[in-house]
PDB file of N, CA and C in Angstrom:
ATOM      1  N   MET A   1    -125.859  28.850 -14.256  1.00  0.00           N
ATOM      2  CA  MET A   1    -126.320  30.198 -14.423  1.00  0.00           C
ATOM      3  C   MET A   1    -126.783  30.442 -15.859  1.00  0.00           C
ATOM      4  N   GLN A   2    -126.083  29.892 -16.811  1.00  0.00           N
ATOM      5  CA  GLN A   2    -126.467  30.058 -18.212  1.00  0.00           C
ATOM      6  C   GLN A   2    -127.776  29.334 -18.502  1.00  0.00           C
ATOM      7  N   LEU A   3    -127.986  28.193 -17.844  1.00  0.00           N
ATOM      8  CA  LEU A   3    -129.229  27.449 -18.041  1.00  0.00           C
ATOM      9  C   LEU A   3    -130.418  28.276 -17.543  1.00  0.00           C
ATOM     10  N   GLY A   4    -130.235  28.951 -16.430  1.00  0.00           N
ATOM     11  CA  GLY A   4    -131.299  29.800 -15.906  1.00  0.00           C
ATOM     12  C   GLY A   4    -131.653  30.927 -16.857  1.00  0.00           C
ATOM     13  N   LYS A   5    -130.654  31.532 -17.452  1.00  0.00           N
ATOM     14  CA  LYS A   5    -130.904  32.597 -18.428  1.00  0.00           C
ATOM     15  C   LYS A   5    -131.624  32.053 -19.656  1.00  0.00           C
ATOM     16  N   LEU A   6    -131.223  30.866 -20.090  1.00  0.00           N
ATOM     17  CA  LEU A   6    -131.863  30.244 -21.245  1.00  0.00           C
ATOM     18  C   LEU A   6    -133.333  29.943 -20.946  1.00  0.00           C
ATOM     19  N   LEU A   7    -133.611  29.383 -19.768  1.00  0.00           N
ATOM     20  CA  LEU A   7    -134.986  29.060 -19.398  1.00  0.00           C
ATOM     21  C   LEU A   7    -135.835  30.326 -19.258  1.00  0.00           C
ATOM     22  N   ARG A   8    -135.276  31.370 -18.684  1.00  0.00           N
ATOM     23  CA  ARG A   8    -135.997  32.635 -18.536  1.00  0.00           C
ATOM     24  C   ARG A   8    -136.313  33.228 -19.908  1.00  0.00           C
ATOM     25  N   THR A   9    -135.360  33.153 -20.817  1.00  0.00           N
ATOM     26  CA  THR A   9    -135.576  33.672 -22.170  1.00  0.00           C
ATOM     27  C   THR A   9    -136.658  32.879 -22.882  1.00  0.00           C
ATOM     28  N   ALA A  10    -136.636  31.562 -22.740  1.00  0.00           N
ATOM     29  CA  ALA A  10    -137.663  30.723 -23.366  1.00  0.00           C
ATOM     30  C   ALA A  10    -139.034  31.038 -22.778  1.00  0.00           C
ATOM     31  N   PHE A  11    -139.103  31.226 -21.464  1.00  0.00           N
ATOM     32  CA  PHE A  11    -140.373  31.560 -20.824  1.00  0.00           C
ATOM     33  C   PHE A  11    -140.907  32.888 -21.345  1.00  0.00           C
ATOM     34  N   LEU A  12    -140.045  33.902 -21.386  1.00  0.00           N
ATOM     35  CA  LEU A  12    -140.479  35.222 -21.851  1.00  0.00           C
ATOM     36  C   LEU A  12    -140.900  35.196 -23.317  1.00  0.00           C
ATOM     37  N   ALA A  13    -140.183  34.461 -24.134  1.00  0.00           N
ATOM     38  CA  ALA A  13    -140.552  34.349 -25.550  1.00  0.00           C
ATOM     39  C   ALA A  13    -141.915  33.679 -25.682  1.00  0.00           C
ATOM     40  N   ASP A  14    -142.139  32.619 -24.907  1.00  0.00           N
ATOM     41  CA  ASP A  14    -143.425  31.929 -24.936  1.00  0.00           C
ATOM     42  C   ASP A  14    -144.534  32.852 -24.440  1.00  0.00           C
ATOM     43  N   TYR A  15    -144.239  33.632 -23.416  1.00  0.00           N
ATOM     44  CA  TYR A  15    -145.226  34.563 -22.861  1.00  0.00           C
ATOM     45  C   TYR A  15    -145.616  35.617 -23.894  1.00  0.00           C
ATOM     46  N   VAL A  16    -144.640  36.146 -24.618  1.00  0.00           N
ATOM     47  CA  VAL A  16    -144.911  37.210 -25.588  1.00  0.00           C
ATOM     48  C   VAL A  16    -145.668  36.673 -26.795  1.00  0.00           C
ATOM     49  N   VAL A  17    -145.323  35.480 -27.257  1.00  0.00           N
ATOM     50  CA  VAL A  17    -145.865  34.951 -28.507  1.00  0.00           C
ATOM     51  C   VAL A  17    -147.194  34.221 -28.314  1.00  0.00           C
ATOM     52  N   ASN A  18    -147.348  33.508 -27.215  1.00  0.00           N
ATOM     53  CA  ASN A  18    -148.459  32.575 -27.044  1.00  0.00           C
ATOM     54  C   ASN A  18    -149.546  33.185 -26.149  1.00  0.00           C
ATOM     55  N   ALA A  19    -150.659  33.583 -26.747  1.00  0.00           N
ATOM     56  CA  ALA A  19    -151.764  34.185 -25.987  1.00  0.00           C
ATOM     57  C   ALA A  19    -152.414  33.157 -25.059  1.00  0.00           C
ATOM     58  N   GLY A  20    -152.503  31.925 -25.476  1.00  0.00           N
ATOM     59  CA  GLY A  20    -153.074  30.877 -24.620  1.00  0.00           C
ATOM     60  C   GLY A  20    -152.257  30.671 -23.356  1.00  0.00           C
ATOM     61  N   PHE A  21    -150.947  30.748 -23.499  1.00  0.00           N
ATOM     62  CA  PHE A  21    -150.053  30.619 -22.341  1.00  0.00           C
ATOM     63  C   PHE A  21    -150.268  31.772 -21.373  1.00  0.00           C
ATOM     64  N   ARG A  22    -150.425  32.989 -21.907  1.00  0.00           N
ATOM     65  CA  ARG A  22    -150.671  34.151 -21.048  1.00  0.00           C
ATOM     66  C   ARG A  22    -151.984  34.003 -20.292  1.00  0.00           C
ATOM     67  N   ARG A  23    -153.027  33.532 -20.975  1.00  0.00           N
ATOM     68  CA  ARG A  23    -154.323  33.340 -20.317  1.00  0.00           C
ATOM     69  C   ARG A  23    -154.225  32.306 -19.204  1.00  0.00           C
ATOM     70  N   GLU A  24    -153.562  31.200 -19.492  1.00  0.00           N
ATOM     71  CA  GLU A  24    -153.414  30.141 -18.491  1.00  0.00           C
ATOM     72  C   GLU A  24    -152.601  30.633 -17.300  1.00  0.00           C
ATOM     73  N   LEU A  25    -151.536  31.341 -17.552  1.00  0.00           N
ATOM     74  CA  LEU A  25    -150.707  31.870 -16.473  1.00  0.00           C
ATOM     75  C   LEU A  25    -151.498  32.857 -15.614  1.00  0.00           C
ATOM     76  N   ARG A  26    -152.275  33.719 -16.252  1.00  0.00           N
ATOM     77  CA  ARG A  26    -153.104  34.680 -15.516  1.00  0.00           C
ATOM     78  C   ARG A  26    -154.149  33.956 -14.677  1.00  0.00           C
ATOM     79  N   ARG A  27    -154.742  32.887 -15.218  1.00  0.00           N
ATOM     80  CA  ARG A  27    -155.749  32.112 -14.488  1.00  0.00           C
ATOM     81  C   ARG A  27    -155.146  31.482 -13.238  1.00  0.00           C
ATOM     82  N   VAL A  28    -153.966  30.901 -13.370  1.00  0.00           N
ATOM     83  CA  VAL A  28    -153.298  30.264 -12.233  1.00  0.00           C
ATOM     84  C   VAL A  28    -152.909  31.298 -11.179  1.00  0.00           C
ATOM     85  N   LEU A  29    -152.389  32.437 -11.612  1.00  0.00           N
ATOM     86  CA  LEU A  29    -152.015  33.486 -10.667  1.00  0.00           C
ATOM     87  C   LEU A  29    -153.237  34.047  -9.940  1.00  0.00           C
ATOM     88  N   ASN A  30    -154.346  34.214 -10.654  1.00  0.00           N
ATOM     89  CA  ASN A  30    -155.570  34.711 -10.020  1.00  0.00           C
ATOM     90  C   ASN A  30    -156.106  33.718  -8.999  1.00  0.00           C
ATOM     91  N   ARG A  31    -155.999  32.438  -9.293  1.00  0.00           N
ATOM     92  CA  ARG A  31    -156.442  31.424  -8.336  1.00  0.00           C
ATOM     93  C   ARG A  31    -155.596  31.484  -7.066  1.00  0.00           C
ATOM     94  N   GLY A  32    -154.295  31.649  -7.213  1.00  0.00           N
ATOM     95  CA  GLY A  32    -153.422  31.764  -6.054  1.00  0.00           C
ATOM     96  C   GLY A  32    -153.751  32.992  -5.226  1.00  0.00           C
ATOM     97  N   GLU A  33    -154.039  34.106  -5.894  1.00  0.00           N
ATOM     98  CA  GLU A  33    -154.413  35.319  -5.181  1.00  0.00           C
ATOM     99  C   GLU A  33    -155.746  35.145  -4.465  1.00  0.00           C
ATOM    100  N   ALA A  34    -156.672  34.401  -5.058  1.00  0.00           N
ATOM    101  CA  ALA A  34    -157.962  34.155  -4.412  1.00  0.00           C
ATOM    102  C   ALA A  34    -157.780  33.326  -3.142  1.00  0.00           C
ATOM    103  N   VAL A  35    -156.882  32.354  -3.188  1.00  0.00           N
ATOM    104  CA  VAL A  35    -156.608  31.548  -1.991  1.00  0.00           C
ATOM    105  C   VAL A  35    -155.999  32.428  -0.909  1.00  0.00           C
ATOM    106  N   ASN A  36    -155.086  33.317  -1.270  1.00  0.00           N
ATOM    107  CA  ASN A  36    -154.493  34.225  -0.288  1.00  0.00           C
ATOM    108  C   ASN A  36    -155.545  35.164   0.302  1.00  0.00           C
ATOM    109  N   ALA A  37    -156.461  35.649  -0.516  1.00  0.00           N
ATOM    110  CA  ALA A  37    -157.525  36.519  -0.016  1.00  0.00           C
ATOM    111  C   ALA A  37    -158.434  35.753   0.947  1.00  0.00           C
ATOM    112  N   LEU A  38    -158.707  34.502   0.631  1.00  0.00           N
ATOM    113  CA  LEU A  38    -159.516  33.670   1.522  1.00  0.00           C
ATOM    114  C   LEU A  38    -158.813  33.476   2.858  1.00  0.00           C
ATOM    115  N   LYS A  39    -157.522  33.213   2.827  1.00  0.00           N
ATOM    116  CA  LYS A  39    -156.769  33.035   4.070  1.00  0.00           C
ATOM    117  C   LYS A  39    -156.758  34.317   4.890  1.00  0.00           C
ATOM    118  N   ARG A  40    -156.636  35.466   4.226  1.00  0.00           N
ATOM    119  CA  ARG A  40    -156.681  36.738   4.957  1.00  0.00           C
ATOM    120  C   ARG A  40    -158.049  36.953   5.585  1.00  0.00           C
ATOM    121  N   ALA A  41    -159.113  36.542   4.889  1.00  0.00           N
ATOM    122  CA  ALA A  41    -160.466  36.703   5.427  1.00  0.00           C
ATOM    123  C   ALA A  41    -160.694  35.778   6.617  1.00  0.00           C
ATOM    124  N   ILE A  42    -160.131  34.579   6.571  1.00  0.00           N
ATOM    125  CA  ILE A  42    -160.290  33.632   7.679  1.00  0.00           C
ATOM    126  C   ILE A  42    -159.480  34.091   8.871  1.00  0.00           C
ATOM    127  N   TYR A  43    -158.271  34.497   8.637  1.00  0.00           N
ATOM    128  CA  TYR A  43    -157.349  34.807   9.723  1.00  0.00           C
ATOM    129  C   TYR A  43    -157.237  36.314   9.866  1.00  0.00           C
ATOM    130  N   THR A  44    -158.097  36.888  10.692  1.00  0.00           N
ATOM    131  CA  THR A  44    -158.094  38.335  10.853  1.00  0.00           C
ATOM    132  C   THR A  44    -157.382  38.785  12.113  1.00  0.00           C
ATOM    133  N   SER A  45    -157.135  37.887  13.048  1.00  0.00           N
ATOM    134  CA  SER A  45    -156.485  38.295  14.287  1.00  0.00           C
ATOM    135  C   SER A  45    -154.990  38.031  14.222  1.00  0.00           C
ATOM    136  N   ARG A  46    -154.305  38.462  15.251  1.00  0.00           N
ATOM    137  CA  ARG A  46    -152.859  38.277  15.309  1.00  0.00           C
ATOM    138  C   ARG A  46    -152.532  37.121  16.239  1.00  0.00           C
ATOM    139  N   VAL A  47    -151.408  36.521  15.999  1.00  0.00           N
ATOM    140  CA  VAL A  47    -150.901  35.498  16.904  1.00  0.00           C
ATOM    141  C   VAL A  47    -150.173  36.228  18.020  1.00  0.00           C
ATOM    142  N   GLY A  48    -150.542  35.928  19.263  1.00  0.00           N
ATOM    143  CA  GLY A  48    -149.946  36.602  20.402  1.00  0.00           C
ATOM    144  C   GLY A  48    -148.476  36.275  20.557  1.00  0.00           C
ATOM    145  N   PRO A  49    -147.764  37.092  21.326  1.00  0.00           N
ATOM    146  CA  PRO A  49    -146.326  36.856  21.499  1.00  0.00           C
ATOM    147  C   PRO A  49    -146.025  35.550  22.224  1.00  0.00           C
ATOM    148  N   ALA A  50    -146.983  35.060  23.014  1.00  0.00           N
ATOM    149  CA  ALA A  50    -146.751  33.796  23.719  1.00  0.00           C
ATOM    150  C   ALA A  50    -146.966  32.606  22.798  1.00  0.00           C
ATOM    151  N   GLN A  51    -147.610  32.844  21.671  1.00  0.00           N
ATOM    152  CA  GLN A  51    -147.883  31.771  20.716  1.00  0.00           C
ATOM    153  C   GLN A  51    -146.931  31.894  19.530  1.00  0.00           C
ATOM    154  N   ALA A  52    -146.654  30.787  18.944  1.00  0.00           N
ATOM    155  CA  ALA A  52    -145.906  30.721  17.683  1.00  0.00           C
ATOM    156  C   ALA A  52    -144.537  31.385  17.773  1.00  0.00           C
ATOM    157  N   ARG A  53    -143.844  31.162  18.864  1.00  0.00           N
ATOM    158  CA  ARG A  53    -142.470  31.668  18.958  1.00  0.00           C
ATOM    159  C   ARG A  53    -141.503  30.759  18.234  1.00  0.00           C
ATOM    160  N   ARG A  54    -141.728  29.486  18.392  1.00  0.00           N
ATOM    161  CA  ARG A  54    -140.810  28.520  17.778  1.00  0.00           C
ATOM    162  C   ARG A  54    -141.293  28.164  16.374  1.00  0.00           C
ATOM    163  N   ALA A  55    -140.393  27.610  15.613  1.00  0.00           N
ATOM    164  CA  ALA A  55    -140.708  27.267  14.223  1.00  0.00           C
ATOM    165  C   ALA A  55    -141.828  26.244  14.148  1.00  0.00           C
ATOM    166  N   ASP A  56    -141.835  25.256  15.046  1.00  0.00           N
ATOM    167  CA  ASP A  56    -142.886  24.235  14.989  1.00  0.00           C
ATOM    168  C   ASP A  56    -144.253  24.821  15.353  1.00  0.00           C
ATOM    169  N   GLU A  57    -144.286  25.827  16.230  1.00  0.00           N
ATOM    170  CA  GLU A  57    -145.553  26.480  16.561  1.00  0.00           C
ATOM    171  C   GLU A  57    -146.061  27.318  15.381  1.00  0.00           C
ATOM    172  N   MET A  58    -145.152  28.021  14.713  1.00  0.00           N
ATOM    173  CA  MET A  58    -145.540  28.807  13.537  1.00  0.00           C
ATOM    174  C   MET A  58    -146.049  27.888  12.433  1.00  0.00           C
ATOM    175  N   LEU A  59    -145.414  26.747  12.284  1.00  0.00           N
ATOM    176  CA  LEU A  59    -145.851  25.780  11.278  1.00  0.00           C
ATOM    177  C   LEU A  59    -147.246  25.259  11.604  1.00  0.00           C
ATOM    178  N   ALA A  60    -147.527  25.018  12.892  1.00  0.00           N
ATOM    179  CA  ALA A  60    -148.846  24.541  13.291  1.00  0.00           C
ATOM    180  C   ALA A  60    -149.921  25.579  12.976  1.00  0.00           C
ATOM    181  N   VAL A  61    -149.627  26.857  13.228  1.00  0.00           N
ATOM    182  CA  VAL A  61    -150.583  27.919  12.921  1.00  0.00           C
ATOM    183  C   VAL A  61    -150.816  27.986  11.414  1.00  0.00           C
ATOM    184  N   ALA A  62    -149.762  27.929  10.631  1.00  0.00           N
ATOM    185  CA  ALA A  62    -149.889  27.992   9.171  1.00  0.00           C
ATOM    186  C   ALA A  62    -150.647  26.786   8.634  1.00  0.00           C
ATOM    187  N   ASP A  63    -150.384  25.609   9.198  1.00  0.00           N
ATOM    188  CA  ASP A  63    -151.087  24.402   8.759  1.00  0.00           C
ATOM    189  C   ASP A  63    -152.571  24.468   9.091  1.00  0.00           C
ATOM    190  N   ALA A  64    -152.895  24.994  10.272  1.00  0.00           N
ATOM    191  CA  ALA A  64    -154.302  25.129  10.653  1.00  0.00           C
ATOM    192  C   ALA A  64    -155.017  26.095   9.711  1.00  0.00           C
ATOM    193  N   LEU A  65    -154.361  27.181   9.350  1.00  0.00           N
ATOM    194  CA  LEU A  65    -154.951  28.138   8.420  1.00  0.00           C
ATOM    195  C   LEU A  65    -155.163  27.509   7.048  1.00  0.00           C
ATOM    196  N   SER A  66    -154.198  26.741   6.577  1.00  0.00           N
ATOM    197  CA  SER A  66    -154.345  26.057   5.290  1.00  0.00           C
ATOM    198  C   SER A  66    -155.471  25.041   5.338  1.00  0.00           C
ATOM    199  N   LEU A  67    -155.580  24.333   6.455  1.00  0.00           N
ATOM    200  CA  LEU A  67    -156.672  23.354   6.599  1.00  0.00           C
ATOM    201  C   LEU A  67    -158.032  24.037   6.533  1.00  0.00           C
ATOM    202  N   LEU A  68    -158.191  25.152   7.236  1.00  0.00           N
ATOM    203  CA  LEU A  68    -159.456  25.883   7.198  1.00  0.00           C
ATOM    204  C   LEU A  68    -159.761  26.396   5.793  1.00  0.00           C
ATOM    205  N   ALA A  69    -158.753  26.911   5.111  1.00  0.00           N
ATOM    206  CA  ALA A  69    -158.958  27.401   3.746  1.00  0.00           C
ATOM    207  C   ALA A  69    -159.358  26.254   2.818  1.00  0.00           C
ATOM    208  N   ASN A  70    -158.760  25.087   2.989  1.00  0.00           N
ATOM    209  CA  ASN A  70    -159.123  23.933   2.165  1.00  0.00           C
ATOM    210  C   ASN A  70    -160.534  23.459   2.454  1.00  0.00           C
ATOM    211  N   ILE A  71    -160.944  23.528   3.709  1.00  0.00           N
ATOM    212  CA  ILE A  71    -162.315  23.138   4.063  1.00  0.00           C
ATOM    213  C   ILE A  71    -163.313  24.087   3.422  1.00  0.00           C
ATOM    214  N   VAL A  72    -163.046  25.376   3.484  1.00  0.00           N
ATOM    215  CA  VAL A  72    -163.950  26.358   2.872  1.00  0.00           C
ATOM    216  C   VAL A  72    -163.980  26.171   1.365  1.00  0.00           C
ATOM    217  N   THR A  73    -162.840  25.923   0.765  1.00  0.00           N
ATOM    218  CA  THR A  73    -162.778  25.738  -0.690  1.00  0.00           C
ATOM    219  C   THR A  73    -163.554  24.505  -1.128  1.00  0.00           C
ATOM    220  N   ALA A  74    -163.413  23.433  -0.349  1.00  0.00           N
ATOM    221  CA  ALA A  74    -164.123  22.179  -0.692  1.00  0.00           C
ATOM    222  C   ALA A  74    -165.609  22.371  -0.512  1.00  0.00           C
TER     223      ALA A  74
END
């Protein structure tokens, strides 16, 4: 628990002091948000109650969505 507090403090100190770190962190977060927006644009419908009830079915739907997003990105 103390290690976690130490790491969080080091991260926050680096964030406050280092402008380059803030820019890089913002760039990475924006890229992640762009991927999520792309996935929302691809997947506009709902999965029916007969589909994706089990964990393996939900995983298949999520994997298919990730595959489509990767194809569009490439």
